[in-house]
Amino acid sequence: MSNINGKVYALNAITPMKPWKTLILRAAFFVLGHVKPLQNDLINLSFIEFARWVIIPRRAFPCLGKGQLPEELKYDYLLFFSNFNGTWNQYIDAFSAVLSRGLNLIWRWSEKFPGAVPVTLFKEYIARVQFDTDYYYTAYPHATANDLKSAHIVQSSFDNLSAIATQSSPEQFAAAYLQFVLQVQAHLGETGEAPAVG
């Protein structure tokens, strides 16, 4: 599937909205963007590398000229883009369980949105509005967001050990090394292809 690159999965969805609803959604985005505590649940889902919503008004679609007529669209469109680690089912399940209120606030303005709960109807809706991604950029396709966070912890701990090593007796270094191993042992992961999902 073109949506998968290493351990990273790309999800893109496009949903139609009646134009009068766009103003309400823009107000909701303004509040979400300026009241940082409302973003905590999304930020705390550590397997999400990227998530973004974009509104395209029906009269803002590009017209390239050279005989192309402007499109006469009935709806504005809400685009959702995300990269995450794990399977599609895990991602939608987590979104439904943790972010259902926020998702309902955003997607409720889209046509035929059933709500984020129950998850089965939400999954059916996302499957209908999702489209494949042919190309996308990921800096570390064989590492998850948690792998990267762990790598920073290991590097920082190693830098501290290196600084101590130059000024330590063998006994002090042994104690510092033991402390280093205890600090990083839970952060020594494995990069590579994601496990096959059946």
N, C-alpha and C. Protein backbone atom coordinates (compact mmCIF):
# COMPACT_ATOMS: atom_id res chain seq x y z
N MET A 1 0.84 -1.18 0.00
CA MET A 1 0.00 0.00 0.00
C MET A 1 0.89 1.24 0.00
N SER A 2 0.55 2.22 -0.77
CA SER A 2 1.37 3.41 -0.89
C SER A 2 1.35 4.28 0.36
N ASN A 3 0.41 4.06 1.24
CA ASN A 3 0.32 4.87 2.45
C ASN A 3 1.37 4.52 3.48
N ILE A 4 2.07 3.40 3.32
CA ILE A 4 3.01 2.94 4.34
C ILE A 4 4.44 3.15 3.85
N ASN A 5 5.28 3.74 4.71
CA ASN A 5 6.70 3.91 4.42
C ASN A 5 7.44 3.54 5.70
N GLY A 6 8.06 2.35 5.72
CA GLY A 6 8.72 1.90 6.93
C GLY A 6 7.71 1.70 8.04
N LYS A 7 7.90 2.40 9.14
CA LYS A 7 6.98 2.31 10.27
C LYS A 7 5.92 3.42 10.25
N VAL A 8 5.94 4.24 9.22
CA VAL A 8 5.06 5.41 9.18
C VAL A 8 3.92 5.19 8.20
N TYR A 9 2.71 5.52 8.62
CA TYR A 9 1.51 5.39 7.81
C TYR A 9 0.94 6.79 7.58
N ALA A 10 0.57 7.09 6.36
CA ALA A 10 -0.03 8.38 6.04
C ALA A 10 -1.53 8.21 5.87
N LEU A 11 -2.29 9.09 6.49
CA LEU A 11 -3.74 9.08 6.36
C LEU A 11 -4.17 10.45 5.85
N ASN A 12 -4.91 10.45 4.76
CA ASN A 12 -5.46 11.68 4.20
C ASN A 12 -6.94 11.48 3.96
N ALA A 13 -7.72 12.46 4.35
CA ALA A 13 -9.17 12.38 4.17
C ALA A 13 -9.68 13.73 3.69
N ILE A 14 -10.73 13.69 2.89
CA ILE A 14 -11.36 14.92 2.41
C ILE A 14 -12.86 14.78 2.59
N THR A 15 -13.47 15.79 3.24
CA THR A 15 -14.89 15.73 3.53
C THR A 15 -15.56 17.04 3.10
N PRO A 16 -16.76 16.94 2.52
CA PRO A 16 -17.47 18.14 2.11
C PRO A 16 -18.21 18.79 3.28
N MET A 17 -18.31 20.13 3.21
CA MET A 17 -19.06 20.90 4.23
C MET A 17 -19.90 21.94 3.51
N LYS A 18 -21.08 22.19 4.03
CA LYS A 18 -21.87 23.30 3.51
C LYS A 18 -21.14 24.60 3.85
N PRO A 19 -21.10 25.54 2.91
CA PRO A 19 -20.30 26.76 3.12
C PRO A 19 -20.60 27.53 4.40
N TRP A 20 -21.86 27.56 4.85
CA TRP A 20 -22.17 28.31 6.06
C TRP A 20 -21.53 27.68 7.30
N LYS A 21 -21.24 26.40 7.23
CA LYS A 21 -20.61 25.72 8.36
C LYS A 21 -19.12 26.04 8.48
N THR A 22 -18.52 26.47 7.38
CA THR A 22 -17.09 26.76 7.37
C THR A 22 -16.73 27.86 8.37
N LEU A 23 -17.58 28.86 8.49
CA LEU A 23 -17.32 29.95 9.44
C LEU A 23 -17.27 29.42 10.88
N ILE A 24 -18.15 28.51 11.20
CA ILE A 24 -18.17 27.93 12.55
C ILE A 24 -16.90 27.13 12.79
N LEU A 25 -16.50 26.34 11.78
CA LEU A 25 -15.30 25.53 11.93
C LEU A 25 -14.06 26.40 12.04
N ARG A 26 -13.99 27.48 11.29
CA ARG A 26 -12.85 28.41 11.41
C ARG A 26 -12.78 28.98 12.83
N ALA A 27 -13.91 29.28 13.42
CA ALA A 27 -13.93 29.77 14.81
C ALA A 27 -13.42 28.69 15.76
N ALA A 28 -13.83 27.44 15.53
CA ALA A 28 -13.36 26.33 16.37
C ALA A 28 -11.85 26.16 16.24
N PHE A 29 -11.33 26.24 15.02
CA PHE A 29 -9.88 26.15 14.81
C PHE A 29 -9.15 27.29 15.50
N PHE A 30 -9.72 28.47 15.47
CA PHE A 30 -9.10 29.62 16.14
C PHE A 30 -8.98 29.35 17.64
N VAL A 31 -10.06 28.86 18.24
CA VAL A 31 -10.04 28.56 19.68
C VAL A 31 -9.02 27.45 19.97
N LEU A 32 -9.05 26.37 19.18
CA LEU A 32 -8.10 25.27 19.40
C LEU A 32 -6.66 25.73 19.24
N GLY A 33 -6.41 26.65 18.32
CA GLY A 33 -5.05 27.14 18.09
C GLY A 33 -4.54 28.07 19.17
N HIS A 34 -5.44 28.74 19.87
CA HIS A 34 -5.03 29.73 20.86
C HIS A 34 -5.19 29.29 22.31
N VAL A 35 -5.91 28.22 22.55
CA VAL A 35 -6.07 27.70 23.91
C VAL A 35 -5.29 26.39 23.97
N LYS A 36 -4.03 26.50 24.37
CA LYS A 36 -3.09 25.37 24.31
C LYS A 36 -3.54 24.14 25.11
N PRO A 37 -4.17 24.28 26.28
CA PRO A 37 -4.60 23.06 26.99
C PRO A 37 -5.55 22.18 26.18
N LEU A 38 -6.26 22.76 25.23
CA LEU A 38 -7.17 21.96 24.40
C LEU A 38 -6.42 21.04 23.45
N GLN A 39 -5.11 21.27 23.27
CA GLN A 39 -4.30 20.46 22.37
C GLN A 39 -3.59 19.32 23.08
N ASN A 40 -3.68 19.26 24.40
CA ASN A 40 -2.89 18.30 25.18
C ASN A 40 -3.16 16.85 24.80
N ASP A 41 -4.43 16.47 24.62
CA ASP A 41 -4.72 15.08 24.30
C ASP A 41 -4.07 14.67 22.98
N LEU A 42 -4.13 15.54 21.98
CA LEU A 42 -3.51 15.23 20.69
C LEU A 42 -2.00 15.13 20.82
N ILE A 43 -1.40 16.05 21.56
CA ILE A 43 0.05 16.04 21.75
C ILE A 43 0.50 14.80 22.51
N ASN A 44 -0.31 14.36 23.47
CA ASN A 44 0.06 13.21 24.30
C ASN A 44 -0.06 11.87 23.58
N LEU A 45 -0.73 11.83 22.43
CA LEU A 45 -0.76 10.59 21.65
C LEU A 45 0.58 10.51 20.90
N SER A 46 1.54 9.87 21.53
CA SER A 46 2.93 9.96 21.07
C SER A 46 3.21 9.24 19.75
N PHE A 47 2.28 8.45 19.26
CA PHE A 47 2.52 7.77 17.99
C PHE A 47 2.12 8.63 16.79
N ILE A 48 1.55 9.80 17.05
CA ILE A 48 1.17 10.70 15.96
C ILE A 48 2.36 11.60 15.66
N GLU A 49 2.85 11.53 14.43
CA GLU A 49 3.97 12.37 14.04
C GLU A 49 3.50 13.72 13.52
N PHE A 50 2.31 13.75 12.94
CA PHE A 50 1.84 14.96 12.29
C PHE A 50 0.34 14.85 12.11
N ALA A 51 -0.39 15.92 12.37
CA ALA A 51 -1.82 15.96 12.10
C ALA A 51 -2.20 17.40 11.76
N ARG A 52 -2.97 17.56 10.68
CA ARG A 52 -3.35 18.91 10.27
C ARG A 52 -4.68 18.87 9.53
N TRP A 53 -5.52 19.88 9.81
CA TRP A 53 -6.75 20.08 9.09
C TRP A 53 -6.63 21.36 8.26
N VAL A 54 -7.16 21.35 7.05
CA VAL A 54 -7.14 22.51 6.17
C VAL A 54 -8.53 22.66 5.55
N ILE A 55 -9.04 23.88 5.53
CA ILE A 55 -10.32 24.17 4.89
C ILE A 55 -10.04 24.79 3.52
N ILE A 56 -10.69 24.25 2.48
CA ILE A 56 -10.59 24.85 1.16
C ILE A 56 -12.00 25.31 0.77
N PRO A 57 -12.20 26.62 0.69
CA PRO A 57 -13.51 27.13 0.26
C PRO A 57 -13.81 26.73 -1.19
N ARG A 58 -15.06 26.56 -1.49
CA ARG A 58 -15.46 26.07 -2.83
C ARG A 58 -15.00 26.99 -3.94
N ARG A 59 -14.84 28.28 -3.66
CA ARG A 59 -14.41 29.21 -4.70
C ARG A 59 -12.90 29.45 -4.69
N ALA A 60 -12.16 28.71 -3.87
CA ALA A 60 -10.71 28.91 -3.76
C ALA A 60 -9.90 27.82 -4.47
N PHE A 61 -10.57 26.90 -5.13
CA PHE A 61 -9.83 25.88 -5.87
C PHE A 61 -9.08 26.55 -7.01
N PRO A 62 -7.86 26.13 -7.29
CA PRO A 62 -7.06 26.81 -8.32
C PRO A 62 -7.65 26.64 -9.72
N CYS A 63 -7.52 27.68 -10.48
CA CYS A 63 -7.90 27.65 -11.89
C CYS A 63 -6.65 27.99 -12.69
N LEU A 64 -6.18 27.08 -13.49
CA LEU A 64 -4.90 27.23 -14.15
C LEU A 64 -4.95 28.03 -15.44
N GLY A 65 -6.13 28.51 -15.79
CA GLY A 65 -6.26 29.29 -17.01
C GLY A 65 -6.18 28.42 -18.24
N LYS A 66 -5.82 29.01 -19.37
CA LYS A 66 -5.66 28.28 -20.64
C LYS A 66 -6.89 27.43 -20.96
N GLY A 67 -8.04 28.02 -20.80
CA GLY A 67 -9.27 27.31 -21.16
C GLY A 67 -9.94 26.57 -20.02
N GLN A 68 -9.29 26.46 -18.87
CA GLN A 68 -9.93 25.78 -17.75
C GLN A 68 -10.94 26.72 -17.11
N LEU A 69 -12.17 26.27 -17.04
CA LEU A 69 -13.21 27.08 -16.43
C LEU A 69 -13.20 26.90 -14.92
N PRO A 70 -13.51 27.94 -14.16
CA PRO A 70 -13.61 27.77 -12.70
C PRO A 70 -14.68 26.73 -12.36
N GLU A 71 -14.41 25.97 -11.34
CA GLU A 71 -15.36 24.93 -10.95
C GLU A 71 -16.54 25.53 -10.20
N GLU A 72 -17.70 24.97 -10.43
CA GLU A 72 -18.92 25.37 -9.71
C GLU A 72 -19.18 24.30 -8.65
N LEU A 73 -18.65 24.49 -7.47
CA LEU A 73 -18.77 23.49 -6.41
C LEU A 73 -19.88 23.89 -5.43
N LYS A 74 -20.54 22.90 -4.90
CA LYS A 74 -21.63 23.12 -3.95
C LYS A 74 -21.10 23.21 -2.52
N TYR A 75 -19.98 22.54 -2.24
CA TYR A 75 -19.46 22.43 -0.89
C TYR A 75 -18.08 23.05 -0.75
N ASP A 76 -17.75 23.48 0.48
CA ASP A 76 -16.37 23.70 0.87
C ASP A 76 -15.82 22.33 1.27
N TYR A 77 -14.50 22.22 1.39
CA TYR A 77 -13.92 20.91 1.72
C TYR A 77 -12.95 21.02 2.88
N LEU A 78 -13.02 20.02 3.75
CA LEU A 78 -12.12 19.90 4.89
C LEU A 78 -11.14 18.78 4.58
N LEU A 79 -9.86 19.11 4.55
CA LEU A 79 -8.83 18.10 4.31
C LEU A 79 -8.14 17.78 5.63
N PHE A 80 -7.88 16.51 5.85
CA PHE A 80 -7.16 16.06 7.04
C PHE A 80 -5.95 15.28 6.57
N PHE A 81 -4.78 15.63 7.11
CA PHE A 81 -3.53 14.95 6.78
C PHE A 81 -2.88 14.50 8.08
N SER A 82 -2.35 13.28 8.10
CA SER A 82 -1.66 12.81 9.30
C SER A 82 -0.67 11.72 8.95
N ASN A 83 0.43 11.68 9.70
CA ASN A 83 1.40 10.58 9.68
C ASN A 83 1.43 10.01 11.09
N PHE A 84 1.46 8.69 11.20
CA PHE A 84 1.46 8.07 12.52
C PHE A 84 2.16 6.73 12.46
N ASN A 85 2.45 6.19 13.62
CA ASN A 85 3.08 4.89 13.75
C ASN A 85 2.04 3.89 14.23
N GLY A 86 2.07 2.72 13.68
CA GLY A 86 1.11 1.70 14.06
C GLY A 86 0.17 1.42 12.90
N THR A 87 -0.86 0.66 13.17
CA THR A 87 -1.80 0.28 12.12
C THR A 87 -2.94 1.30 12.02
N TRP A 88 -3.62 1.24 10.92
CA TRP A 88 -4.78 2.11 10.69
C TRP A 88 -5.82 1.91 11.79
N ASN A 89 -6.10 0.64 12.12
CA ASN A 89 -7.09 0.35 13.16
C ASN A 89 -6.69 0.92 14.51
N GLN A 90 -5.42 0.78 14.88
CA GLN A 90 -4.95 1.33 16.16
C GLN A 90 -5.12 2.84 16.19
N TYR A 91 -4.81 3.49 15.09
CA TYR A 91 -4.89 4.95 15.01
C TYR A 91 -6.34 5.42 15.17
N ILE A 92 -7.24 4.81 14.41
CA ILE A 92 -8.64 5.23 14.48
C ILE A 92 -9.23 4.90 15.85
N ASP A 93 -8.86 3.74 16.41
CA ASP A 93 -9.32 3.38 17.76
C ASP A 93 -8.87 4.42 18.78
N ALA A 94 -7.60 4.82 18.72
CA ALA A 94 -7.07 5.80 19.67
C ALA A 94 -7.74 7.16 19.48
N PHE A 95 -7.92 7.56 18.24
CA PHE A 95 -8.60 8.82 17.97
C PHE A 95 -10.00 8.80 18.58
N SER A 96 -10.71 7.71 18.36
CA SER A 96 -12.08 7.61 18.87
C SER A 96 -12.11 7.59 20.39
N ALA A 97 -11.19 6.86 21.01
CA ALA A 97 -11.20 6.72 22.47
C ALA A 97 -10.72 7.97 23.19
N VAL A 98 -9.68 8.63 22.67
CA VAL A 98 -9.05 9.73 23.38
C VAL A 98 -9.53 11.10 22.90
N LEU A 99 -9.80 11.22 21.61
CA LEU A 99 -10.08 12.54 21.04
C LEU A 99 -11.50 12.69 20.50
N SER A 100 -12.42 11.88 20.96
CA SER A 100 -13.77 11.90 20.36
C SER A 100 -14.43 13.28 20.45
N ARG A 101 -14.27 13.97 21.57
CA ARG A 101 -14.89 15.30 21.70
C ARG A 101 -14.30 16.28 20.69
N GLY A 102 -12.97 16.28 20.56
CA GLY A 102 -12.31 17.18 19.61
C GLY A 102 -12.65 16.84 18.17
N LEU A 103 -12.68 15.54 17.86
CA LEU A 103 -13.03 15.13 16.50
C LEU A 103 -14.47 15.52 16.17
N ASN A 104 -15.36 15.35 17.14
CA ASN A 104 -16.74 15.74 16.91
C ASN A 104 -16.85 17.25 16.70
N LEU A 105 -16.06 18.02 17.44
CA LEU A 105 -16.06 19.47 17.28
C LEU A 105 -15.63 19.87 15.88
N ILE A 106 -14.65 19.17 15.33
CA ILE A 106 -14.11 19.52 14.01
C ILE A 106 -14.93 18.90 12.87
N TRP A 107 -15.16 17.60 12.92
CA TRP A 107 -15.78 16.92 11.78
C TRP A 107 -17.30 16.97 11.77
N ARG A 108 -17.91 17.39 12.84
CA ARG A 108 -19.37 17.40 12.88
C ARG A 108 -19.96 18.29 11.80
N TRP A 109 -19.17 19.22 11.27
CA TRP A 109 -19.64 20.14 10.25
C TRP A 109 -19.57 19.53 8.85
N SER A 110 -18.91 18.38 8.74
CA SER A 110 -18.83 17.68 7.46
C SER A 110 -20.08 16.86 7.23
N GLU A 111 -20.42 16.72 5.97
CA GLU A 111 -21.63 15.99 5.60
C GLU A 111 -21.53 14.51 6.00
N LYS A 112 -22.62 14.02 6.58
CA LYS A 112 -22.80 12.61 6.93
C LYS A 112 -21.79 12.09 7.95
N PHE A 113 -21.17 12.99 8.73
CA PHE A 113 -20.26 12.52 9.78
C PHE A 113 -21.08 11.88 10.89
N PRO A 114 -20.79 10.60 11.23
CA PRO A 114 -21.62 9.89 12.20
C PRO A 114 -21.22 10.14 13.66
N GLY A 115 -20.11 10.83 13.89
CA GLY A 115 -19.56 10.98 15.23
C GLY A 115 -18.38 10.05 15.40
N ALA A 116 -17.51 10.38 16.36
CA ALA A 116 -16.31 9.58 16.58
C ALA A 116 -16.59 8.33 17.41
N VAL A 117 -17.76 8.28 18.04
CA VAL A 117 -18.18 7.12 18.82
C VAL A 117 -19.61 6.81 18.41
N PRO A 118 -19.93 5.56 18.12
CA PRO A 118 -19.14 4.35 18.24
C PRO A 118 -18.07 4.26 17.14
N VAL A 119 -17.00 3.55 17.48
CA VAL A 119 -15.83 3.52 16.60
C VAL A 119 -16.11 2.83 15.27
N THR A 120 -17.01 1.86 15.22
CA THR A 120 -17.27 1.15 13.97
C THR A 120 -17.81 2.09 12.90
N LEU A 121 -18.77 2.93 13.26
CA LEU A 121 -19.31 3.89 12.30
C LEU A 121 -18.26 4.92 11.90
N PHE A 122 -17.44 5.33 12.86
CA PHE A 122 -16.36 6.28 12.59
C PHE A 122 -15.36 5.68 11.60
N LYS A 123 -14.99 4.42 11.79
CA LYS A 123 -14.06 3.75 10.88
C LYS A 123 -14.65 3.64 9.47
N GLU A 124 -15.92 3.32 9.38
CA GLU A 124 -16.56 3.23 8.07
C GLU A 124 -16.54 4.57 7.36
N TYR A 125 -16.78 5.64 8.13
CA TYR A 125 -16.76 6.98 7.54
C TYR A 125 -15.36 7.34 7.04
N ILE A 126 -14.34 7.12 7.87
CA ILE A 126 -12.97 7.44 7.47
C ILE A 126 -12.57 6.61 6.25
N ALA A 127 -12.94 5.35 6.21
CA ALA A 127 -12.60 4.51 5.06
C ALA A 127 -13.23 5.07 3.77
N ARG A 128 -14.42 5.66 3.87
CA ARG A 128 -15.08 6.22 2.69
C ARG A 128 -14.44 7.51 2.22
N VAL A 129 -13.94 8.33 3.14
CA VAL A 129 -13.42 9.66 2.76
C VAL A 129 -11.90 9.69 2.63
N GLN A 130 -11.24 8.60 2.94
CA GLN A 130 -9.78 8.53 2.87
C GLN A 130 -9.34 8.32 1.43
N PHE A 131 -8.18 8.87 1.08
CA PHE A 131 -7.60 8.60 -0.23
C PHE A 131 -6.14 8.25 -0.07
N ASP A 132 -5.63 7.45 -1.01
CA ASP A 132 -4.24 6.99 -0.93
C ASP A 132 -3.27 8.14 -1.15
N THR A 133 -2.12 8.01 -0.53
CA THR A 133 -1.04 8.97 -0.65
C THR A 133 0.04 8.35 -1.52
N ASP A 134 0.33 8.96 -2.64
CA ASP A 134 1.35 8.41 -3.53
C ASP A 134 2.76 8.71 -3.03
N TYR A 135 2.98 9.93 -2.52
CA TYR A 135 4.30 10.32 -2.04
C TYR A 135 4.14 11.17 -0.80
N TYR A 136 5.04 10.99 0.15
CA TYR A 136 5.12 11.89 1.29
C TYR A 136 6.49 11.76 1.92
N TYR A 137 6.87 12.80 2.64
CA TYR A 137 8.20 12.85 3.24
C TYR A 137 8.14 12.42 4.69
N THR A 138 9.08 11.58 5.07
CA THR A 138 9.29 11.28 6.47
C THR A 138 10.80 11.21 6.68
N ALA A 139 11.30 11.96 7.64
CA ALA A 139 12.74 12.05 7.85
C ALA A 139 13.33 10.71 8.30
N TYR A 140 12.59 9.95 9.08
CA TYR A 140 13.08 8.69 9.63
C TYR A 140 12.03 7.60 9.42
N PRO A 141 11.92 7.06 8.21
CA PRO A 141 10.84 6.10 7.95
C PRO A 141 10.95 4.80 8.75
N HIS A 142 12.15 4.44 9.20
CA HIS A 142 12.29 3.19 9.93
C HIS A 142 12.32 3.40 11.45
N ALA A 143 11.89 4.57 11.88
CA ALA A 143 11.83 4.87 13.31
C ALA A 143 10.49 5.52 13.63
N THR A 144 9.94 5.15 14.76
CA THR A 144 8.69 5.76 15.20
C THR A 144 9.00 7.06 15.93
N ALA A 145 7.95 7.81 16.23
CA ALA A 145 8.13 9.04 17.01
C ALA A 145 8.72 8.70 18.38
N ASN A 146 8.29 7.60 18.97
CA ASN A 146 8.85 7.19 20.27
C ASN A 146 10.30 6.75 20.15
N ASP A 147 10.68 6.13 19.01
CA ASP A 147 12.09 5.77 18.79
C ASP A 147 12.95 7.03 18.80
N LEU A 148 12.47 8.10 18.17
CA LEU A 148 13.23 9.35 18.11
C LEU A 148 13.35 9.98 19.49
N LYS A 149 12.26 9.98 20.26
CA LYS A 149 12.33 10.53 21.62
C LYS A 149 13.32 9.73 22.46
N SER A 150 13.29 8.41 22.32
CA SER A 150 14.22 7.56 23.06
C SER A 150 15.66 7.82 22.64
N ALA A 151 15.88 8.03 21.36
CA ALA A 151 17.25 8.30 20.87
C ALA A 151 17.80 9.57 21.51
N HIS A 152 16.97 10.57 21.68
CA HIS A 152 17.41 11.81 22.33
C HIS A 152 17.79 11.57 23.80
N ILE A 153 17.01 10.73 24.46
CA ILE A 153 17.31 10.40 25.86
C ILE A 153 18.64 9.65 25.96
N VAL A 154 18.85 8.67 25.06
CA VAL A 154 20.09 7.89 25.07
C VAL A 154 21.28 8.81 24.78
N GLN A 155 21.15 9.69 23.78
CA GLN A 155 22.25 10.59 23.43
C GLN A 155 22.58 11.53 24.58
N SER A 156 21.57 12.10 25.20
CA SER A 156 21.79 13.02 26.32
C SER A 156 22.48 12.30 27.49
N SER A 157 22.01 11.10 27.79
CA SER A 157 22.62 10.32 28.88
C SER A 157 24.06 9.95 28.54
N PHE A 158 24.32 9.59 27.29
CA PHE A 158 25.67 9.25 26.87
C PHE A 158 26.60 10.47 26.94
N ASP A 159 26.08 11.64 26.54
CA ASP A 159 26.88 12.87 26.64
C ASP A 159 27.27 13.15 28.09
N ASN A 160 26.33 12.93 29.00
CA ASN A 160 26.62 13.12 30.43
C ASN A 160 27.68 12.13 30.90
N LEU A 161 27.57 10.88 30.48
CA LEU A 161 28.55 9.86 30.85
C LEU A 161 29.93 10.22 30.30
N SER A 162 29.98 10.72 29.08
CA SER A 162 31.26 11.11 28.47
C SER A 162 31.92 12.23 29.26
N ALA A 163 31.12 13.19 29.70
CA ALA A 163 31.67 14.31 30.48
C ALA A 163 32.22 13.82 31.83
N ILE A 164 31.53 12.88 32.42
CA ILE A 164 31.97 12.34 33.72
C ILE A 164 33.22 11.49 33.55
N ALA A 165 33.32 10.75 32.44
CA ALA A 165 34.42 9.80 32.23
C ALA A 165 35.78 10.47 32.24
N THR A 166 35.87 11.68 31.76
CA THR A 166 37.17 12.35 31.67
C THR A 166 37.71 12.77 33.04
N GLN A 167 36.84 12.81 34.05
CA GLN A 167 37.25 13.30 35.37
C GLN A 167 37.05 12.27 36.47
N SER A 168 36.83 11.02 36.11
CA SER A 168 36.46 10.02 37.11
C SER A 168 37.55 8.99 37.36
N SER A 169 37.55 8.48 38.57
CA SER A 169 38.36 7.31 38.87
C SER A 169 37.64 6.10 38.29
N PRO A 170 38.32 4.95 38.20
CA PRO A 170 37.64 3.75 37.68
C PRO A 170 36.38 3.40 38.46
N GLU A 171 36.42 3.57 39.79
CA GLU A 171 35.25 3.25 40.62
C GLU A 171 34.10 4.23 40.34
N GLN A 172 34.43 5.52 40.22
CA GLN A 172 33.40 6.52 39.92
C GLN A 172 32.79 6.29 38.54
N PHE A 173 33.65 5.92 37.58
CA PHE A 173 33.14 5.65 36.23
C PHE A 173 32.22 4.43 36.23
N ALA A 174 32.59 3.40 36.98
CA ALA A 174 31.76 2.19 37.05
C ALA A 174 30.37 2.54 37.59
N ALA A 175 30.32 3.38 38.63
CA ALA A 175 29.03 3.80 39.19
C ALA A 175 28.25 4.64 38.18
N ALA A 176 28.95 5.56 37.47
CA ALA A 176 28.29 6.40 36.47
C ALA A 176 27.79 5.56 35.30
N TYR A 177 28.58 4.56 34.91
CA TYR A 177 28.17 3.69 33.80
C TYR A 177 26.93 2.89 34.18
N LEU A 178 26.89 2.37 35.40
CA LEU A 178 25.72 1.64 35.86
C LEU A 178 24.49 2.55 35.84
N GLN A 179 24.66 3.78 36.29
CA GLN A 179 23.55 4.74 36.27
C GLN A 179 23.10 5.01 34.82
N PHE A 180 24.06 5.13 33.92
CA PHE A 180 23.75 5.34 32.49
C PHE A 180 22.93 4.18 31.94
N VAL A 181 23.37 2.95 32.22
CA VAL A 181 22.65 1.77 31.72
C VAL A 181 21.23 1.74 32.26
N LEU A 182 21.07 2.06 33.54
CA LEU A 182 19.73 2.07 34.13
C LEU A 182 18.84 3.15 33.49
N GLN A 183 19.43 4.29 33.15
CA GLN A 183 18.65 5.37 32.54
C GLN A 183 18.20 5.04 31.12
N VAL A 184 19.03 4.33 30.36
CA VAL A 184 18.73 4.15 28.93
C VAL A 184 18.14 2.79 28.59
N GLN A 185 18.13 1.84 29.51
CA GLN A 185 17.74 0.48 29.13
C GLN A 185 16.32 0.40 28.56
N ALA A 186 15.42 1.25 29.01
CA ALA A 186 14.06 1.22 28.48
C ALA A 186 13.94 1.98 27.17
N HIS A 187 15.03 2.62 26.74
CA HIS A 187 14.99 3.45 25.53
C HIS A 187 15.83 2.87 24.39
N LEU A 188 16.29 1.66 24.53
CA LEU A 188 17.08 1.02 23.47
C LEU A 188 16.14 0.20 22.61
N GLY A 189 15.58 0.83 21.60
CA GLY A 189 14.60 0.19 20.73
C GLY A 189 15.24 -0.40 19.51
N GLU A 190 14.41 -0.68 18.54
CA GLU A 190 14.88 -1.27 17.30
C GLU A 190 14.21 -0.53 16.14
N THR A 191 15.02 -0.06 15.22
CA THR A 191 14.46 0.56 14.02
C THR A 191 14.35 -0.50 12.94
N GLY A 192 13.68 -0.18 11.87
CA GLY A 192 13.52 -1.12 10.76
C GLY A 192 12.10 -1.14 10.28
N GLU A 193 11.76 -2.09 9.47
CA GLU A 193 10.41 -2.21 8.94
C GLU A 193 9.43 -2.52 10.05
N ALA A 194 8.23 -2.02 9.91
CA ALA A 194 7.17 -2.33 10.88
C ALA A 194 6.81 -3.80 10.76
N PRO A 195 6.40 -4.42 11.87
CA PRO A 195 6.01 -5.82 11.77
C PRO A 195 4.79 -5.99 10.86
N ALA A 196 4.72 -7.11 10.16
CA ALA A 196 3.60 -7.37 9.27
C ALA A 196 2.33 -7.50 10.08
N VAL A 197 1.28 -6.87 9.60
CA VAL A 197 -0.01 -6.93 10.29
C VAL A 197 -0.94 -7.78 9.47
N GLY A 198 -1.52 -8.80 10.12
CA GLY A 198 -2.39 -9.71 9.40
C GLY A 198 -3.82 -9.30 9.38
